[in-house]
Amino acid sequence: MAYSEQAAPPVALVIPALNEAPVIAAMLDAIPPGLFRQVIVADNGSSDGTGPIAAAHGAEVVREPERGYGAACLRAIEQIDAECSIVMFMQADLSEDPAEAVSLVAPILDGRADFVLGSRALGGAEPGALLAHQAMGNALATGLIAAIWGHRYTDLGPFRAIRVDRLRGLGMSERNYGWTIEMQIRAIEEGLRVMEIPVRYRVRAAGENKVSGQLGASFRAGVKILEVIWRLWRRRRRR
């Protein structure tokens, strides 16, 4: 499938991927036809053929050898076509339903929002999809955002859509686990119109989650999220 259809909405989809060969083809094949004008798989140093498989299934593949979710996203953003005014981010493991992308993009297309977050807390997760330490970490982080910045998010989910121009204006710099929360805090600081939409969250189709499925990685992610909150809070106080 090719994703350069001019009839598609002006939306680019970014899928960061690291060693997702068992599932990346199914993920790309599950995308409804005509939904995205550009689909970019950001290969974050895979050693299992993820990139070639993604290319064979119609995606544009960019490579970012520096490991890190944020690094892969930043690399993909550089490749977004000028005709795409919205970018969506999804995981590569089919834990999110590509068909639900329509509900996230719609409020931006019709001018009601600049940034739409897919909330697993509002939409519900399959048993075993959202682990206890993930839920606790989300609650802590969103509680701190509410206390410091005065905006109550329900989730830090990676399934999200944002206007490209507003994203570029956020000055994103996080290159690893802090990418999602940096975007959410900076969106508040820059006065973006933020909306949350319920989305379902499924057990990943194959393999183990690179973060939540490993306690060490989960701990490092939690520390990084708190570091981002601390850094942005200190900058806010200085201003």
C-alpha atoms as a PDB file:
ATOM      1  CA  MET A   1       0.000   0.000   0.000  1.00  0.00           C
ATOM      2  CA  ALA A   2       1.288   3.472  -0.824  1.00  0.00           C
ATOM      3  CA  TYR A   3       0.470   6.439   1.377  1.00  0.00           C
ATOM      4  CA  SER A   4       0.939   9.335  -1.041  1.00  0.00           C
ATOM      5  CA  GLU A   5      -2.756   9.517  -1.973  1.00  0.00           C
ATOM      6  CA  GLN A   6      -3.630  13.181  -2.544  1.00  0.00           C
ATOM      7  CA  ALA A   7      -7.238  12.486  -1.537  1.00  0.00           C
ATOM      8  CA  ALA A   8      -6.161  11.530   1.982  1.00  0.00           C
ATOM      9  CA  PRO A   9      -6.371  14.154   4.746  1.00  0.00           C
ATOM     10  CA  PRO A  10      -3.166  16.179   5.228  1.00  0.00           C
ATOM     11  CA  VAL A  11      -2.005  13.891   8.028  1.00  0.00           C
ATOM     12  CA  ALA A  12       1.355  12.192   8.498  1.00  0.00           C
ATOM     13  CA  LEU A  13       1.624   9.138  10.735  1.00  0.00           C
ATOM     14  CA  VAL A  14       4.871   8.546  12.636  1.00  0.00           C
ATOM     15  CA  ILE A  15       5.576   5.077  14.035  1.00  0.00           C
ATOM     16  CA  PRO A  16       8.798   4.748  16.068  1.00  0.00           C
ATOM     17  CA  ALA A  17       9.983   1.140  15.895  1.00  0.00           C
ATOM     18  CA  LEU A  18      12.774  -0.919  17.425  1.00  0.00           C
ATOM     19  CA  ASN A  19      12.975  -4.610  16.509  1.00  0.00           C
ATOM     20  CA  GLU A  20       9.284  -4.940  15.652  1.00  0.00           C
ATOM     21  CA  ALA A  21       9.670  -7.378  12.725  1.00  0.00           C
ATOM     22  CA  PRO A  22       7.053  -9.822  14.108  1.00  0.00           C
ATOM     23  CA  VAL A  23       4.292  -7.188  14.085  1.00  0.00           C
ATOM     24  CA  ILE A  24       5.170  -4.182  11.923  1.00  0.00           C
ATOM     25  CA  ALA A  25       3.619  -5.656   8.767  1.00  0.00           C
ATOM     26  CA  ALA A  26       0.318  -6.364  10.535  1.00  0.00           C
ATOM     27  CA  MET A  27       0.386  -2.869  12.022  1.00  0.00           C
ATOM     28  CA  LEU A  28       0.791  -1.197   8.632  1.00  0.00           C
ATOM     29  CA  ASP A  29      -1.751  -3.468   6.955  1.00  0.00           C
ATOM     30  CA  ALA A  30      -4.314  -2.543   9.646  1.00  0.00           C
ATOM     31  CA  ILE A  31      -4.266   1.140   8.683  1.00  0.00           C
ATOM     32  CA  PRO A  32      -7.531   2.003   6.885  1.00  0.00           C
ATOM     33  CA  PRO A  33      -6.918   3.050   3.247  1.00  0.00           C
ATOM     34  CA  GLY A  34      -6.971   6.782   2.570  1.00  0.00           C
ATOM     35  CA  LEU A  35      -6.495   7.744   6.212  1.00  0.00           C
ATOM     36  CA  PHE A  36      -2.954   9.145   5.995  1.00  0.00           C
ATOM     37  CA  ARG A  37      -1.124  11.013   3.290  1.00  0.00           C
ATOM     38  CA  GLN A  38       2.269   9.937   4.606  1.00  0.00           C
ATOM     39  CA  VAL A  39       3.315   7.065   6.872  1.00  0.00           C
ATOM     40  CA  ILE A  40       6.806   7.226   8.363  1.00  0.00           C
ATOM     41  CA  VAL A  41       8.382   4.366  10.280  1.00  0.00           C
ATOM     42  CA  ALA A  42      11.297   5.673  12.340  1.00  0.00           C
ATOM     43  CA  ASP A  43      13.613   2.677  12.622  1.00  0.00           C
ATOM     44  CA  ASN A  44      15.468   3.210  15.891  1.00  0.00           C
ATOM     45  CA  GLY A  45      18.399   0.902  15.175  1.00  0.00           C
ATOM     46  CA  SER A  46      16.580  -2.380  14.577  1.00  0.00           C
ATOM     47  CA  SER A  47      18.609  -5.517  13.935  1.00  0.00           C
ATOM     48  CA  ASP A  48      15.734  -7.786  12.863  1.00  0.00           C
ATOM     49  CA  GLY A  49      14.715  -6.373   9.485  1.00  0.00           C
ATOM     50  CA  THR A  50      11.974  -4.059  10.772  1.00  0.00           C
ATOM     51  CA  GLY A  51      12.912  -1.327   8.279  1.00  0.00           C
ATOM     52  CA  PRO A  52      12.817  -3.422   5.083  1.00  0.00           C
ATOM     53  CA  ILE A  53       9.543  -5.057   6.157  1.00  0.00           C
ATOM     54  CA  ALA A  54       7.972  -1.658   6.770  1.00  0.00           C
ATOM     55  CA  ALA A  55       9.164  -0.383   3.394  1.00  0.00           C
ATOM     56  CA  ALA A  56       7.719  -3.460   1.675  1.00  0.00           C
ATOM     57  CA  HIS A  57       4.349  -2.622   3.241  1.00  0.00           C
ATOM     58  CA  GLY A  58       4.251   0.914   1.906  1.00  0.00           C
ATOM     59  CA  ALA A  59       5.836   3.001   4.648  1.00  0.00           C
ATOM     60  CA  GLU A  60       8.558   5.586   4.234  1.00  0.00           C
ATOM     61  CA  VAL A  61      11.421   4.437   6.467  1.00  0.00           C
ATOM     62  CA  VAL A  62      13.871   6.786   8.159  1.00  0.00           C
ATOM     63  CA  ARG A  63      16.674   5.550  10.383  1.00  0.00           C
ATOM     64  CA  GLU A  64      17.782   6.997  13.692  1.00  0.00           C
ATOM     65  CA  PRO A  65      20.605   4.940  15.215  1.00  0.00           C
ATOM     66  CA  GLU A  66      20.566   6.869  18.505  1.00  0.00           C
ATOM     67  CA  ARG A  67      18.359   4.796  20.783  1.00  0.00           C
ATOM     68  CA  GLY A  68      15.462   6.690  22.261  1.00  0.00           C
ATOM     69  CA  TYR A  69      11.762   7.203  21.566  1.00  0.00           C
ATOM     70  CA  GLY A  70      12.181  10.962  21.359  1.00  0.00           C
ATOM     71  CA  ALA A  71      15.199  10.693  19.070  1.00  0.00           C
ATOM     72  CA  ALA A  72      13.217   8.518  16.655  1.00  0.00           C
ATOM     73  CA  CYS A  73      10.259  10.926  16.707  1.00  0.00           C
ATOM     74  CA  LEU A  74      12.455  13.975  16.124  1.00  0.00           C
ATOM     75  CA  ARG A  75      14.141  12.264  13.183  1.00  0.00           C
ATOM     76  CA  ALA A  76      10.780  11.397  11.626  1.00  0.00           C
ATOM     77  CA  ILE A  77       9.462  14.940  12.051  1.00  0.00           C
ATOM     78  CA  GLU A  78      12.277  16.172   9.804  1.00  0.00           C
ATOM     79  CA  GLN A  79      10.796  14.065   6.982  1.00  0.00           C
ATOM     80  CA  ILE A  80       7.184  15.226   7.180  1.00  0.00           C
ATOM     81  CA  ASP A  81       5.991  16.481   3.796  1.00  0.00           C
ATOM     82  CA  ALA A  82       5.132  20.180   3.570  1.00  0.00           C
ATOM     83  CA  GLU A  83       1.580  19.263   2.491  1.00  0.00           C
ATOM     84  CA  CYS A  84       0.928  17.527   5.830  1.00  0.00           C
ATOM     85  CA  SER A  85      -0.416  19.930   8.444  1.00  0.00           C
ATOM     86  CA  ILE A  86      -1.092  17.311  11.139  1.00  0.00           C
ATOM     87  CA  VAL A  87       1.124  14.567  12.544  1.00  0.00           C
ATOM     88  CA  MET A  88      -0.038  11.545  14.484  1.00  0.00           C
ATOM     89  CA  PHE A  89       2.115   9.284  16.655  1.00  0.00           C
ATOM     90  CA  MET A  90       1.349   5.611  17.248  1.00  0.00           C
ATOM     91  CA  GLN A  91       3.192   2.595  18.584  1.00  0.00           C
ATOM     92  CA  ALA A  92       4.337  -0.187  16.285  1.00  0.00           C
ATOM     93  CA  ASP A  93       2.952  -3.108  18.285  1.00  0.00           C
ATOM     94  CA  LEU A  94      -0.795  -2.911  17.486  1.00  0.00           C
ATOM     95  CA  SER A  95      -1.614  -2.061  21.103  1.00  0.00           C
ATOM     96  CA  GLU A  96      -3.527   0.868  19.603  1.00  0.00           C
ATOM     97  CA  ASP A  97      -6.236   0.534  16.968  1.00  0.00           C
ATOM     98  CA  PRO A  98      -5.360   2.459  13.769  1.00  0.00           C
ATOM     99  CA  ALA A  99      -9.071   2.806  12.991  1.00  0.00           C
ATOM    100  CA  GLU A 100      -9.435   5.048  16.045  1.00  0.00           C
ATOM    101  CA  ALA A 101      -7.080   7.569  14.454  1.00  0.00           C
ATOM    102  CA  VAL A 102     -10.092   9.162  12.769  1.00  0.00           C
ATOM    103  CA  SER A 103     -11.528  10.333  16.100  1.00  0.00           C
ATOM    104  CA  LEU A 104      -8.200  11.876  17.144  1.00  0.00           C
ATOM    105  CA  VAL A 105      -7.655  13.764  13.908  1.00  0.00           C
ATOM    106  CA  ALA A 106     -11.219  15.066  13.493  1.00  0.00           C
ATOM    107  CA  PRO A 107     -11.083  17.806  16.183  1.00  0.00           C
ATOM    108  CA  ILE A 108      -7.932  19.233  14.586  1.00  0.00           C
ATOM    109  CA  LEU A 109      -9.279  19.061  11.047  1.00  0.00           C
ATOM    110  CA  ASP A 110     -12.441  20.937  12.010  1.00  0.00           C
ATOM    111  CA  GLY A 111     -10.580  23.570  14.024  1.00  0.00           C
ATOM    112  CA  ARG A 112     -11.635  22.600  17.554  1.00  0.00           C
ATOM    113  CA  ALA A 113      -8.201  21.542  18.844  1.00  0.00           C
ATOM    114  CA  ASP A 114      -4.474  21.865  18.212  1.00  0.00           C
ATOM    115  CA  PHE A 115      -3.411  18.775  20.148  1.00  0.00           C
ATOM    116  CA  VAL A 116      -5.470  15.631  20.758  1.00  0.00           C
ATOM    117  CA  LEU A 117      -4.350  12.932  23.169  1.00  0.00           C
ATOM    118  CA  GLY A 118      -5.698   9.390  23.035  1.00  0.00           C
ATOM    119  CA  SER A 119      -6.538   8.524  26.629  1.00  0.00           C
ATOM    120  CA  ARG A 120      -6.332   4.899  27.697  1.00  0.00           C
ATOM    121  CA  ALA A 121      -7.714   5.876  31.089  1.00  0.00           C
ATOM    122  CA  LEU A 122     -10.918   7.159  29.473  1.00  0.00           C
ATOM    123  CA  GLY A 123     -11.202   4.427  26.868  1.00  0.00           C
ATOM    124  CA  GLY A 124     -10.181   1.353  28.805  1.00  0.00           C
ATOM    125  CA  ALA A 125      -7.394  -1.199  28.537  1.00  0.00           C
ATOM    126  CA  GLU A 126      -7.513  -4.945  28.026  1.00  0.00           C
ATOM    127  CA  PRO A 127      -6.413  -7.023  31.034  1.00  0.00           C
ATOM    128  CA  GLY A 128      -2.627  -7.074  31.046  1.00  0.00           C
ATOM    129  CA  ALA A 129      -2.219  -4.243  28.542  1.00  0.00           C
ATOM    130  CA  LEU A 130      -1.705  -1.399  31.028  1.00  0.00           C
ATOM    131  CA  LEU A 131       0.340  -2.743  33.908  1.00  0.00           C
ATOM    132  CA  ALA A 132       0.001  -1.586  37.516  1.00  0.00           C
ATOM    133  CA  HIS A 133       3.271   0.347  37.574  1.00  0.00           C
ATOM    134  CA  GLN A 134       2.279   2.132  34.356  1.00  0.00           C
ATOM    135  CA  ALA A 135      -1.051   3.205  35.837  1.00  0.00           C
ATOM    136  CA  MET A 136       0.648   4.404  39.020  1.00  0.00           C
ATOM    137  CA  GLY A 137       3.268   6.331  37.070  1.00  0.00           C
ATOM    138  CA  ASN A 138       0.598   7.970  34.917  1.00  0.00           C
ATOM    139  CA  ALA A 139      -1.378   8.984  37.983  1.00  0.00           C
ATOM    140  CA  LEU A 140       1.679  10.511  39.651  1.00  0.00           C
ATOM    141  CA  ALA A 141       2.836  12.395  36.547  1.00  0.00           C
ATOM    142  CA  THR A 142      -0.588  13.730  35.607  1.00  0.00           C
ATOM    143  CA  GLY A 143      -1.180  14.736  39.220  1.00  0.00           C
ATOM    144  CA  LEU A 144       2.047  16.747  39.250  1.00  0.00           C
ATOM    145  CA  ILE A 145       1.092  18.442  35.974  1.00  0.00           C
ATOM    146  CA  ALA A 146      -2.280  19.392  37.444  1.00  0.00           C
ATOM    147  CA  ALA A 147      -0.679  20.752  40.623  1.00  0.00           C
ATOM    148  CA  ILE A 148       2.001  22.795  38.839  1.00  0.00           C
ATOM    149  CA  TRP A 149       0.458  23.777  35.495  1.00  0.00           C
ATOM    150  CA  GLY A 150      -3.217  23.623  36.384  1.00  0.00           C
ATOM    151  CA  HIS A 151      -4.299  21.261  33.611  1.00  0.00           C
ATOM    152  CA  ARG A 152      -5.717  17.828  34.408  1.00  0.00           C
ATOM    153  CA  TYR A 153      -4.613  15.163  31.913  1.00  0.00           C
ATOM    154  CA  THR A 154      -5.826  11.603  32.408  1.00  0.00           C
ATOM    155  CA  ASP A 155      -2.965   9.821  30.615  1.00  0.00           C
ATOM    156  CA  LEU A 156       0.500  10.083  29.073  1.00  0.00           C
ATOM    157  CA  GLY A 157      -0.452   7.780  26.200  1.00  0.00           C
ATOM    158  CA  PRO A 158       1.694   7.782  23.053  1.00  0.00           C
ATOM    159  CA  PHE A 159      -1.337   7.725  20.690  1.00  0.00           C
ATOM    160  CA  ARG A 160      -1.719  11.425  19.832  1.00  0.00           C
ATOM    161  CA  ALA A 161      -2.160  13.957  17.042  1.00  0.00           C
ATOM    162  CA  ILE A 162      -0.983  17.553  16.818  1.00  0.00           C
ATOM    163  CA  ARG A 163      -0.759  20.344  14.259  1.00  0.00           C
ATOM    164  CA  VAL A 164       2.707  20.280  12.730  1.00  0.00           C
ATOM    165  CA  ASP A 165       3.266  24.017  13.068  1.00  0.00           C
ATOM    166  CA  ARG A 166       2.300  23.967  16.733  1.00  0.00           C
ATOM    167  CA  LEU A 167       4.537  20.959  17.370  1.00  0.00           C
ATOM    168  CA  ARG A 168       7.513  22.711  15.826  1.00  0.00           C
ATOM    169  CA  GLY A 169       6.749  25.725  18.019  1.00  0.00           C
ATOM    170  CA  LEU A 170       7.033  23.641  21.190  1.00  0.00           C
ATOM    171  CA  GLY A 171      10.819  23.348  20.826  1.00  0.00           C
ATOM    172  CA  MET A 172      10.842  19.654  21.707  1.00  0.00           C
ATOM    173  CA  SER A 173      14.229  18.435  22.930  1.00  0.00           C
ATOM    174  CA  GLU A 174      13.672  15.202  24.860  1.00  0.00           C
ATOM    175  CA  ARG A 175      15.292  12.296  23.042  1.00  0.00           C
ATOM    176  CA  ASN A 176      14.128   9.382  25.170  1.00  0.00           C
ATOM    177  CA  TYR A 177      11.349   8.463  27.597  1.00  0.00           C
ATOM    178  CA  GLY A 178      10.486  12.077  28.416  1.00  0.00           C
ATOM    179  CA  TRP A 179       9.151  12.871  24.939  1.00  0.00           C
ATOM    180  CA  THR A 180       5.442  12.385  25.666  1.00  0.00           C
ATOM    181  CA  ILE A 181       5.296  14.359  28.898  1.00  0.00           C
ATOM    182  CA  GLU A 182       7.442  17.163  27.509  1.00  0.00           C
ATOM    183  CA  MET A 183       4.933  17.579  24.676  1.00  0.00           C
ATOM    184  CA  GLN A 184       2.006  17.658  27.077  1.00  0.00           C
ATOM    185  CA  ILE A 185       3.560  20.227  29.404  1.00  0.00           C
ATOM    186  CA  ARG A 186       4.830  22.428  26.599  1.00  0.00           C
ATOM    187  CA  ALA A 187       1.370  22.314  24.983  1.00  0.00           C
ATOM    188  CA  ILE A 188      -0.086  23.816  28.168  1.00  0.00           C
ATOM    189  CA  GLU A 189       2.649  26.442  28.397  1.00  0.00           C
ATOM    190  CA  GLU A 190       2.136  27.504  24.785  1.00  0.00           C
ATOM    191  CA  GLY A 191      -1.617  27.767  25.150  1.00  0.00           C
ATOM    192  CA  LEU A 192      -2.553  25.006  22.712  1.00  0.00           C
ATOM    193  CA  ARG A 193      -6.163  23.892  22.590  1.00  0.00           C
ATOM    194  CA  VAL A 194      -5.871  20.444  24.135  1.00  0.00           C
ATOM    195  CA  MET A 195      -8.459  17.676  23.950  1.00  0.00           C
ATOM    196  CA  GLU A 196      -8.486  14.075  25.180  1.00  0.00           C
ATOM    197  CA  ILE A 197     -10.331  11.330  23.305  1.00  0.00           C
ATOM    198  CA  PRO A 198     -11.044   7.848  24.757  1.00  0.00           C
ATOM    199  CA  VAL A 199      -9.056   5.084  23.025  1.00  0.00           C
ATOM    200  CA  ARG A 200      -8.808   1.388  23.642  1.00  0.00           C
ATOM    201  CA  TYR A 201      -5.490  -0.160  24.629  1.00  0.00           C
ATOM    202  CA  ARG A 202      -4.736  -3.759  23.717  1.00  0.00           C
ATOM    203  CA  VAL A 203      -2.130  -6.307  24.713  1.00  0.00           C
ATOM    204  CA  ARG A 204       0.665  -5.954  22.168  1.00  0.00           C
ATOM    205  CA  ALA A 205       0.422  -8.341  19.252  1.00  0.00           C
ATOM    206  CA  ALA A 206       3.859  -9.928  19.668  1.00  0.00           C
ATOM    207  CA  GLY A 207       7.001  -9.706  21.755  1.00  0.00           C
ATOM    208  CA  GLU A 208       7.634  -7.657  24.873  1.00  0.00           C
ATOM    209  CA  ASN A 209       7.119  -3.948  25.416  1.00  0.00           C
ATOM    210  CA  LYS A 210      10.535  -2.245  25.428  1.00  0.00           C
ATOM    211  CA  VAL A 211       9.598  -0.152  28.464  1.00  0.00           C
ATOM    212  CA  SER A 212       6.664  -1.436  30.511  1.00  0.00           C
ATOM    213  CA  GLY A 213       7.616  -5.081  29.966  1.00  0.00           C
ATOM    214  CA  GLN A 214      11.013  -4.586  31.622  1.00  0.00           C
ATOM    215  CA  LEU A 215      11.269  -3.341  35.197  1.00  0.00           C
ATOM    216  CA  GLY A 216      14.661  -1.709  34.639  1.00  0.00           C
ATOM    217  CA  ALA A 217      13.419   0.218  31.619  1.00  0.00           C
ATOM    218  CA  SER A 218      10.223   1.148  33.444  1.00  0.00           C
ATOM    219  CA  PHE A 219      12.258   2.558  36.337  1.00  0.00           C
ATOM    220  CA  ARG A 220      14.467   4.573  33.996  1.00  0.00           C
ATOM    221  CA  ALA A 221      11.392   5.881  32.187  1.00  0.00           C
ATOM    222  CA  GLY A 222       9.833   6.949  35.471  1.00  0.00           C
ATOM    223  CA  VAL A 223      12.983   8.757  36.552  1.00  0.00           C
ATOM    224  CA  LYS A 224      13.217  10.517  33.200  1.00  0.00           C
ATOM    225  CA  ILE A 225       9.591  11.654  33.364  1.00  0.00           C
ATOM    226  CA  LEU A 226      10.187  13.142  36.811  1.00  0.00           C
ATOM    227  CA  GLU A 227      13.362  14.823  35.530  1.00  0.00           C
ATOM    228  CA  VAL A 228      11.399  16.484  32.729  1.00  0.00           C
ATOM    229  CA  ILE A 229       8.755  17.723  35.172  1.00  0.00           C
ATOM    230  CA  TRP A 230      11.512  19.102  37.437  1.00  0.00           C
ATOM    231  CA  ARG A 231      13.350  20.808  34.573  1.00  0.00           C
ATOM    232  CA  LEU A 232      10.259  22.440  33.129  1.00  0.00           C
ATOM    233  CA  TRP A 233       9.025  23.471  36.604  1.00  0.00           C
ATOM    234  CA  ARG A 234      12.359  25.168  37.336  1.00  0.00           C
ATOM    235  CA  ARG A 235      12.272  26.962  34.011  1.00  0.00           C
ATOM    236  CA  ARG A 236       8.725  28.091  34.756  1.00  0.00           C
ATOM    237  CA  ARG A 237       9.794  29.508  38.141  1.00  0.00           C
ATOM    238  CA  ARG A 238      12.723  31.376  36.585  1.00  0.00           C
ATOM    239  CA  ARG A 239      10.338  33.031  34.133  1.00  0.00           C
END
